[in-house]
């Protein structure tokens, strides 16, 4: 959750062709979306008898959430700046194309695609594990080829909306399922080393292709290995009765809905504290997003909007 905020809060400070604090914080968030898909696959794929009906109900829940939140945001905006149906349509379509104040909702549409494929992937995972593993390996090879093509200057992937880059979302969704069957542990130094290697990798290869967006590197091997090693390490850690983590986990959807709006309307700090501005902006946006979301889920009836 905080990694996603890091991506969006520090992006305005990233200067093409230069490496600074903003780049480091932004690149750290590269694991966030892959980990979301991995957690989803980890929790869903091992279940028995997942039906298309249950998946469709979940998809409808996400659609209801997206449309409702966008409509509420548009209504508040319209009261101040005037009503325009074009704005509402533009904001709704922006949830697909990553444009507008709710462009971050592309992830929820991508999750809907995972849910649509869930019954089939669940059947393969439970009943035909060898086929499942083979499909995963083919998909991973495909992703590596796509990223290699991008490094050679290919623009094809960059022209595809993030929500339709299903090779990324399905890859990590399936990887999460595979890791549910992994019983061995990894030492802490492995994800740390992979994290440092990934930072160097993104900075080195991102500048020649003039594209350092995190989504560009989801296909890369270092990011996949980093996410895998970190996931395995954390999977074997037990945290009991931690109220902070328990509370934060309930704030995922409201934080996801509010943080980008806060980023858009909240002043930046580049003119006053340019050196540490990205980090300060991340901290301020995180605090405001969590605080606002905590208040929202405490309001009767309104909190139901954030359940899918």
Protein backbone atom coordinates (compact mmCIF):
# COMPACT_ATOMS: atom_id res chain seq x y z
CA UNK A 1 0.00 0.00 0.00
CA UNK A 2 2.75 2.43 0.94
CA UNK A 3 4.77 1.31 -2.06
CA UNK A 4 1.95 2.40 -4.37
CA UNK A 5 1.86 5.77 -2.60
CA UNK A 6 5.64 5.98 -3.09
CA UNK A 7 5.21 5.47 -6.83
CA UNK A 8 2.64 8.22 -7.22
CA UNK A 9 3.92 10.69 -4.61
CA UNK A 10 7.52 10.76 -5.87
CA UNK A 11 6.82 10.57 -9.61
CA UNK A 12 6.57 14.39 -10.01
CA UNK A 13 10.10 14.72 -8.61
CA UNK A 14 11.78 12.23 -10.92
CA UNK A 15 14.00 14.07 -13.39
CA UNK A 16 14.66 12.15 -16.64
CA UNK A 17 18.32 11.32 -17.11
CA UNK A 18 19.30 11.99 -13.49
CA UNK A 19 19.47 9.83 -10.39
CA UNK A 20 18.43 11.27 -7.06
CA UNK A 21 16.43 10.56 -3.94
CA UNK A 22 13.17 10.63 -5.92
CA UNK A 23 14.45 7.87 -8.23
CA UNK A 24 15.47 5.65 -5.31
CA UNK A 25 12.14 6.03 -3.51
CA UNK A 26 10.19 5.61 -6.74
CA UNK A 27 12.16 2.53 -7.81
CA UNK A 28 11.57 1.00 -4.39
CA UNK A 29 7.85 1.01 -5.16
CA UNK A 30 8.38 -1.17 -8.23
CA UNK A 31 7.58 -4.27 -6.12
CA UNK A 32 4.19 -2.97 -4.95
CA UNK A 33 1.87 -3.95 -7.81
CA UNK A 34 3.57 -7.33 -8.40
CA UNK A 35 3.23 -8.11 -4.69
CA UNK A 36 -0.49 -7.21 -4.77
CA UNK A 37 -1.07 -9.71 -7.57
CA UNK A 38 1.10 -12.29 -5.82
CA UNK A 39 -0.83 -11.97 -2.55
CA UNK A 40 -4.11 -12.33 -4.43
CA UNK A 41 -2.94 -15.48 -6.20
CA UNK A 42 -1.41 -16.83 -3.01
CA UNK A 43 -4.74 -16.55 -1.19
CA UNK A 44 -7.11 -17.59 -3.99
CA UNK A 45 -5.50 -20.23 -6.18
CA UNK A 46 -5.07 -22.96 -3.51
CA UNK A 47 -8.79 -22.87 -2.65
CA UNK A 48 -11.03 -25.73 -3.71
CA UNK A 49 -14.02 -25.50 -6.02
CA UNK A 50 -13.85 -21.86 -7.08
CA UNK A 51 -16.79 -21.21 -9.38
CA UNK A 52 -17.30 -18.70 -12.15
CA UNK A 53 -20.32 -17.40 -10.19
CA UNK A 54 -18.22 -16.45 -7.17
CA UNK A 55 -15.64 -14.81 -9.43
CA UNK A 56 -18.30 -12.79 -11.24
CA UNK A 57 -19.72 -11.60 -7.91
CA UNK A 58 -16.29 -10.34 -6.93
CA UNK A 59 -15.86 -8.63 -10.30
CA UNK A 60 -19.23 -6.91 -9.90
CA UNK A 61 -18.11 -5.77 -6.45
CA UNK A 62 -15.01 -4.13 -7.90
CA UNK A 63 -17.01 -2.50 -10.70
CA UNK A 64 -19.50 -1.14 -8.16
CA UNK A 65 -16.63 0.25 -6.11
CA UNK A 66 -14.95 1.92 -9.10
CA UNK A 67 -18.13 3.51 -10.46
CA UNK A 68 -19.33 4.65 -7.02
CA UNK A 69 -16.05 6.28 -5.98
CA UNK A 70 -15.59 8.00 -9.33
CA UNK A 71 -19.17 9.28 -9.21
CA UNK A 72 -18.72 10.65 -5.67
CA UNK A 73 -15.47 12.31 -6.68
CA UNK A 74 -17.09 13.80 -9.77
CA UNK A 75 -20.03 15.04 -7.71
CA UNK A 76 -17.76 16.85 -5.24
CA UNK A 77 -15.75 18.32 -8.11
CA UNK A 78 -18.91 19.44 -9.93
CA UNK A 79 -20.28 21.28 -6.90
CA UNK A 80 -17.18 23.49 -6.96
CA UNK A 81 -16.39 23.76 -10.66
CA UNK A 82 -19.74 23.07 -12.34
CA UNK A 83 -21.40 19.96 -13.68
CA UNK A 84 -20.13 18.27 -16.82
CA UNK A 85 -21.08 14.79 -17.98
CA UNK A 86 -17.99 14.82 -20.19
CA UNK A 87 -15.84 15.03 -17.07
CA UNK A 88 -17.57 12.03 -15.53
CA UNK A 89 -17.14 9.97 -18.71
CA UNK A 90 -13.51 11.06 -19.00
CA UNK A 91 -12.82 10.08 -15.40
CA UNK A 92 -14.51 6.69 -15.82
CA UNK A 93 -12.59 5.89 -19.00
CA UNK A 94 -9.46 7.15 -17.25
CA UNK A 95 -9.70 4.22 -14.84
CA UNK A 96 -8.80 2.05 -17.87
CA UNK A 97 -6.19 4.34 -19.42
CA UNK A 98 -4.49 5.48 -16.16
CA UNK A 99 -5.51 9.09 -16.80
CA UNK A 100 -7.38 11.47 -14.52
CA UNK A 101 -7.65 11.56 -10.71
CA UNK A 102 -8.75 7.91 -10.58
CA UNK A 103 -6.33 6.49 -13.12
CA UNK A 104 -4.83 4.33 -10.38
CA UNK A 105 -7.96 2.19 -10.54
CA UNK A 106 -6.49 0.40 -13.54
CA UNK A 107 -5.15 -2.10 -11.01
CA UNK A 108 -8.68 -3.02 -9.92
CA UNK A 109 -9.67 -3.71 -13.54
CA UNK A 110 -6.57 -5.89 -13.84
CA UNK A 111 -7.65 -7.78 -10.72
CA UNK A 112 -11.04 -8.29 -12.37
CA UNK A 113 -9.27 -9.99 -15.28
CA UNK A 114 -7.50 -12.27 -12.79
CA UNK A 115 -10.84 -13.14 -11.21
CA UNK A 116 -12.27 -13.86 -14.64
CA UNK A 117 -9.49 -16.38 -15.27
CA UNK A 118 -9.46 -17.65 -11.68
CA UNK A 119 -11.75 -20.71 -12.15
CA UNK A 120 -9.57 -22.01 -15.00
CA UNK A 121 -6.27 -21.26 -13.27
CA UNK A 122 -7.60 -22.73 -10.03
CA UNK A 123 -8.56 -25.96 -11.84
CA UNK A 124 -5.09 -26.24 -13.38
CA UNK A 125 -3.42 -25.41 -10.08
CA UNK A 126 -5.34 -28.08 -8.15
CA UNK A 127 -5.88 -30.80 -10.76
CA UNK A 128 -3.11 -30.34 -13.35
CA UNK A 129 -0.11 -28.80 -11.55
CA UNK A 130 2.37 -29.75 -14.28
CA UNK A 131 0.28 -27.96 -16.89
CA UNK A 132 0.01 -24.97 -14.55
CA UNK A 133 3.80 -24.81 -14.08
CA UNK A 134 4.40 -25.17 -17.82
CA UNK A 135 1.95 -22.37 -18.55
CA UNK A 136 3.67 -20.17 -15.98
CA UNK A 137 7.11 -20.80 -17.47
CA UNK A 138 5.86 -20.04 -21.00
CA UNK A 139 4.29 -16.81 -19.74
CA UNK A 140 7.48 -15.83 -17.91
CA UNK A 141 9.53 -16.42 -21.07
CA UNK A 142 7.04 -14.29 -23.00
CA UNK A 143 7.43 -11.49 -20.44
CA UNK A 144 11.22 -11.67 -20.68
CA UNK A 145 11.01 -11.41 -24.47
CA UNK A 146 8.70 -8.40 -24.24
CA UNK A 147 11.04 -6.62 -21.86
CA UNK A 148 14.06 -7.43 -24.04
CA UNK A 149 12.20 -5.96 -27.01
CA UNK A 150 11.51 -2.80 -24.99
CA UNK A 151 15.18 -2.47 -24.07
CA UNK A 152 15.99 -2.60 -27.78
CA UNK A 153 13.80 0.44 -28.32
CA UNK A 154 10.51 -1.31 -29.01
CA UNK A 155 7.48 0.82 -28.20
CA UNK A 156 4.76 -1.84 -28.51
CA UNK A 157 4.32 -2.59 -24.80
CA UNK A 158 4.46 1.08 -23.85
CA UNK A 159 1.49 1.76 -26.13
CA UNK A 160 -0.65 -0.86 -24.41
CA UNK A 161 -2.68 0.46 -21.42
CA UNK A 162 -1.44 -0.94 -18.11
CA UNK A 163 -4.73 -2.75 -17.48
CA UNK A 164 -4.32 -4.72 -20.72
CA UNK A 165 -0.75 -5.80 -19.99
CA UNK A 166 -2.23 -9.03 -18.73
CA UNK A 167 1.07 -10.86 -19.11
CA UNK A 168 2.33 -8.95 -16.05
CA UNK A 169 -0.74 -9.33 -13.84
CA UNK A 170 -1.33 -13.01 -14.68
CA UNK A 171 2.39 -13.82 -14.29
CA UNK A 172 2.52 -12.51 -10.72
CA UNK A 173 -0.93 -13.84 -9.92
CA UNK A 174 0.21 -17.34 -10.92
CA UNK A 175 3.54 -16.88 -9.16
CA UNK A 176 1.73 -16.13 -5.91
CA UNK A 177 -0.11 -19.43 -6.26
CA UNK A 178 3.13 -21.31 -6.84
CA UNK A 179 4.73 -19.77 -3.75
CA UNK A 180 1.87 -21.08 -1.60
CA UNK A 181 3.47 -24.50 -2.11
CA UNK A 182 7.00 -23.38 -1.34
CA UNK A 183 8.13 -24.53 2.11
CA UNK A 184 11.75 -23.46 2.22
CA UNK A 185 13.07 -20.19 3.62
CA UNK A 186 15.44 -17.56 2.28
CA UNK A 187 17.85 -15.44 4.35
CA UNK A 188 17.20 -11.72 4.68
CA UNK A 189 20.35 -10.82 2.78
CA UNK A 190 18.94 -12.24 -0.47
CA UNK A 191 16.03 -9.78 -0.90
CA UNK A 192 18.31 -6.95 0.29
CA UNK A 193 20.93 -7.78 -2.33
CA UNK A 194 18.23 -8.17 -5.00
CA UNK A 195 16.73 -4.83 -3.97
CA UNK A 196 20.05 -3.05 -4.46
CA UNK A 197 20.65 -4.88 -7.73
CA UNK A 198 17.18 -3.94 -8.96
CA UNK A 199 17.74 -0.26 -8.17
CA UNK A 200 20.96 -0.29 -10.19
CA UNK A 201 19.29 -2.25 -12.98
CA UNK A 202 16.37 0.16 -13.36
CA UNK A 203 18.58 3.23 -13.24
CA UNK A 204 21.05 1.76 -15.73
CA UNK A 205 18.55 0.49 -18.30
CA UNK A 206 15.78 3.02 -17.75
CA UNK A 207 17.74 6.05 -18.89
CA UNK A 208 18.88 4.77 -22.34
CA UNK A 209 15.27 3.97 -23.30
CA UNK A 210 14.10 7.23 -21.68
CA UNK A 211 11.53 5.35 -19.64
CA UNK A 212 11.89 4.72 -15.93
CA UNK A 213 8.25 3.94 -15.20
CA UNK A 214 7.94 1.05 -12.76
CA UNK A 215 5.41 -0.73 -14.98
CA UNK A 216 8.04 -0.98 -17.71
CA UNK A 217 10.21 -3.18 -15.47
CA UNK A 218 7.58 -5.57 -14.12
CA UNK A 219 8.66 -8.01 -16.86
CA UNK A 220 12.34 -7.85 -15.97
CA UNK A 221 14.07 -10.77 -14.28
CA UNK A 222 15.55 -8.73 -11.37
CA UNK A 223 12.10 -7.45 -10.33
CA UNK A 224 10.62 -10.95 -10.55
CA UNK A 225 13.45 -12.45 -8.48
CA UNK A 226 13.29 -9.59 -5.96
CA UNK A 227 9.53 -10.02 -5.49
CA UNK A 228 9.89 -13.79 -5.19
CA UNK A 229 12.69 -13.67 -2.60
CA UNK A 230 10.93 -10.97 -0.56
CA UNK A 231 7.61 -12.82 -0.69
CA UNK A 232 9.17 -16.09 0.48
CA UNK A 233 11.03 -14.29 3.27
CA UNK A 234 7.92 -12.51 4.55
CA UNK A 235 5.74 -15.59 4.08
CA UNK A 236 7.72 -17.36 6.78
CA UNK A 237 7.43 -14.49 9.27
CA UNK A 238 4.65 -14.52 11.85
CA UNK A 239 3.38 -11.30 13.40
CA UNK A 240 0.74 -11.90 16.04
CA UNK A 241 -1.68 -9.41 17.57
CA UNK A 242 -0.20 -6.39 15.80
CA UNK A 243 -2.98 -3.82 15.81
CA UNK A 244 -1.17 -1.41 13.51
CA UNK A 245 -0.79 -3.96 10.71
CA UNK A 246 -4.32 -5.28 11.30
CA UNK A 247 -5.76 -1.76 11.05
CA UNK A 248 -3.69 -0.74 8.04
CA UNK A 249 -4.76 -3.87 6.18
CA UNK A 250 -8.39 -2.75 6.38
CA UNK A 251 -7.50 0.62 4.82
CA UNK A 252 -6.23 -0.69 1.50
CA UNK A 253 -9.18 0.30 -0.70
CA UNK A 254 -9.89 3.72 0.87
CA UNK A 255 -6.17 4.60 0.76
CA UNK A 256 -6.07 3.44 -2.84
CA UNK A 257 -9.03 5.70 -3.62
CA UNK A 258 -7.86 8.81 -1.77
CA UNK A 259 -4.08 9.05 -2.04
CA UNK A 260 -3.91 10.18 -5.66
CA UNK A 261 -6.53 12.88 -5.05
CA UNK A 262 -4.42 14.14 -2.14
CA UNK A 263 -1.33 14.13 -4.35
CA UNK A 264 -3.13 16.16 -7.04
CA UNK A 265 -4.43 18.85 -4.70
CA UNK A 266 -1.71 18.91 -2.04
CA UNK A 267 1.19 21.36 -2.59
CA UNK A 268 4.62 19.93 -3.30
CA UNK A 269 7.80 20.87 -1.44
CA UNK A 270 10.33 21.09 -4.26
CA UNK A 271 10.75 24.87 -4.05
CA UNK A 272 11.29 24.91 -0.28
CA UNK A 273 13.21 21.70 0.44
CA UNK A 274 14.32 20.35 -2.96
CA UNK A 275 16.79 17.75 -1.63
CA UNK A 276 14.38 15.79 0.59
CA UNK A 277 11.12 16.95 -1.01
CA UNK A 278 10.24 13.50 -2.46
CA UNK A 279 10.59 11.80 0.92
CA UNK A 280 8.67 14.53 2.75
CA UNK A 281 5.88 14.40 0.17
CA UNK A 282 5.68 10.61 0.56
CA UNK A 283 5.42 10.87 4.35
CA UNK A 284 2.81 13.66 4.27
CA UNK A 285 0.65 11.95 1.63
CA UNK A 286 0.87 8.64 3.50
CA UNK A 287 -0.20 10.20 6.80
CA UNK A 288 -3.08 12.13 5.21
CA UNK A 289 -4.26 9.12 3.19
CA UNK A 290 -4.24 6.79 6.18
CA UNK A 291 -5.89 9.35 8.47
CA UNK A 292 -8.63 10.14 5.96
CA UNK A 293 -9.21 6.47 5.23
CA UNK A 294 -9.38 5.61 8.92
CA UNK A 295 -12.11 8.22 9.40
CA UNK A 296 -13.98 6.95 6.33
CA UNK A 297 -14.18 3.34 7.49
CA UNK A 298 -15.53 4.49 10.86
CA UNK A 299 -18.52 6.24 9.27
CA UNK A 300 -21.61 3.97 9.17
CA UNK A 301 -22.92 3.08 5.70
CA UNK A 302 -20.10 4.95 3.96
CA UNK A 303 -17.63 2.27 5.01
CA UNK A 304 -19.71 -0.25 3.08
CA UNK A 305 -18.64 1.45 -0.14
CA UNK A 306 -15.13 0.14 0.44
CA UNK A 307 -16.10 -3.51 0.65
CA UNK A 308 -16.05 -5.66 -2.46
